[in-house]
Protein backbone atom coordinates (compact mmCIF):
# COMPACT_ATOMS: atom_id res chain seq x y z
CA MET A 1 5.01 25.89 9.00
CA ARG A 2 5.29 28.16 5.98
CA TYR A 3 2.09 26.72 4.52
CA LEU A 4 0.22 27.41 7.77
CA VAL A 5 0.89 31.13 7.46
CA GLY A 6 0.20 31.13 3.72
CA SER A 7 3.70 31.89 2.46
CA GLU A 8 3.72 28.73 0.33
CA PRO A 9 1.26 25.94 -0.48
CA ALA A 10 1.33 22.62 1.36
CA HIS A 11 3.32 19.91 -0.38
CA THR A 12 1.81 16.58 -1.33
CA GLN A 13 3.15 13.16 -2.16
CA THR A 14 -0.04 12.18 -3.99
CA THR A 15 -0.66 12.12 -7.72
CA VAL A 16 -3.49 13.95 -9.48
CA ALA A 17 -5.27 10.60 -9.94
CA GLU A 18 -4.93 9.78 -6.23
CA ARG A 19 -6.34 13.17 -5.23
CA ALA A 20 -9.28 12.72 -7.60
CA ALA A 21 -9.99 9.28 -6.11
CA LEU A 22 -9.90 10.71 -2.58
CA ALA A 23 -12.36 13.46 -3.46
CA ARG A 24 -14.65 11.04 -5.26
CA ASP A 25 -14.71 8.45 -2.49
CA ALA A 26 -14.99 11.02 0.32
CA ALA A 27 -17.95 12.82 -1.24
CA GLY A 28 -20.82 12.99 1.23
CA ARG A 29 -19.20 10.63 3.76
CA LYS A 30 -19.98 11.09 7.46
CA ARG A 31 -16.79 9.60 8.94
CA LEU A 32 -13.31 9.58 7.47
CA VAL A 33 -9.88 8.55 8.71
CA GLU A 34 -6.67 9.59 7.01
CA ILE A 35 -3.51 7.76 8.06
CA GLY A 36 -0.42 9.73 7.15
CA VAL A 37 -1.25 13.42 6.93
CA TYR A 38 2.13 14.88 5.85
CA GLU A 39 1.37 18.62 5.42
CA GLY A 40 -2.42 18.31 5.21
CA PHE A 41 -2.86 18.72 1.43
CA THR A 42 -5.12 15.66 1.07
CA THR A 43 -6.71 16.35 4.45
CA ALA A 44 -8.08 19.57 2.95
CA ILE A 45 -9.41 17.64 -0.07
CA LEU A 46 -11.21 15.21 2.25
CA ALA A 47 -12.62 18.06 4.36
CA ARG A 48 -14.05 19.82 1.30
CA ALA A 49 -15.59 16.63 -0.12
CA MET A 50 -17.14 15.07 3.00
CA ALA A 51 -20.61 15.84 4.32
CA PRO A 52 -20.87 19.20 6.13
CA ASP A 53 -21.59 17.47 9.46
CA ALA A 54 -18.94 14.76 9.03
CA VAL A 55 -16.03 13.91 11.32
CA LEU A 56 -12.50 13.56 9.91
CA HIS A 57 -9.79 11.87 11.97
CA ALA A 58 -6.40 12.78 10.49
CA MET A 59 -3.46 10.87 11.94
CA GLY A 60 0.17 11.74 11.38
CA TRP A 61 2.88 9.12 11.83
CA VAL A 62 1.75 6.26 14.03
CA ALA A 63 4.20 5.66 16.89
CA GLU A 64 7.52 4.81 15.28
CA LEU A 65 5.96 3.14 12.25
CA GLY A 66 5.61 5.00 9.00
CA SER A 67 2.06 5.32 7.69
CA PHE A 68 2.56 2.79 4.90
CA ARG A 69 4.09 0.23 7.24
CA PHE A 70 1.26 0.75 9.76
CA PHE A 71 -1.28 0.20 6.97
CA GLU A 72 0.45 -2.93 5.69
CA GLU A 73 0.91 -4.50 9.12
CA ASN A 74 -2.33 -3.49 10.83
CA ILE A 75 -5.07 -2.61 8.39
CA ARG A 76 -4.69 -4.26 4.97
CA GLN A 77 -5.41 -7.79 6.26
CA ASP A 78 -8.11 -6.69 8.73
CA SER A 79 -11.35 -8.38 7.63
CA ARG A 80 -13.37 -5.45 8.98
CA PHE A 81 -12.20 -3.36 6.02
CA GLU A 82 -12.59 -3.74 2.27
CA ILE A 83 -10.44 -2.06 -0.33
CA VAL A 84 -12.77 0.11 -2.38
CA GLU A 85 -10.25 1.55 -4.80
CA GLN A 86 -6.51 1.50 -5.47
CA VAL A 87 -4.92 4.29 -7.49
CA ASP A 88 -1.15 4.50 -7.86
CA SER A 89 0.14 4.00 -4.28
CA LEU A 90 -3.16 5.01 -2.65
CA SER A 91 -5.55 2.48 -1.08
CA ILE A 92 -9.08 3.62 -0.20
CA LEU A 93 -10.87 1.39 2.29
CA ARG A 94 -14.37 1.16 3.69
CA ARG A 95 -15.23 -0.43 6.99
CA GLN A 96 -17.48 -3.46 6.57
CA ALA A 97 -20.83 -3.29 8.34
CA SER A 98 -20.94 -5.43 11.47
CA PRO A 99 -23.41 -8.32 11.32
CA GLY A 100 -26.72 -7.12 12.72
CA ALA A 101 -25.63 -3.45 12.72
CA LEU A 102 -28.03 -0.77 11.62
CA PRO A 103 -27.22 0.84 8.26
């Protein structure tokens, strides 16, 4: 709450390298999803880097699963996604195009 009113900056659990990777891979994107928002530090990085008309879906904890566990159990093995980059504990994924889908 203190970071919302500007009395202190939001905390982050990401490294400098992870934040740089997020900004790089979000640049100009039209749709982004962040799983595990914490205090919104990386959410702000994504919002600044994405296309001006983009949509960002930022999800906090998913049900009773932690974000990492949700990723490991539900997303990592999903063939609709490819891992684009891994930096420290961060995994950046891109959704695969559906066969016959328009670019």
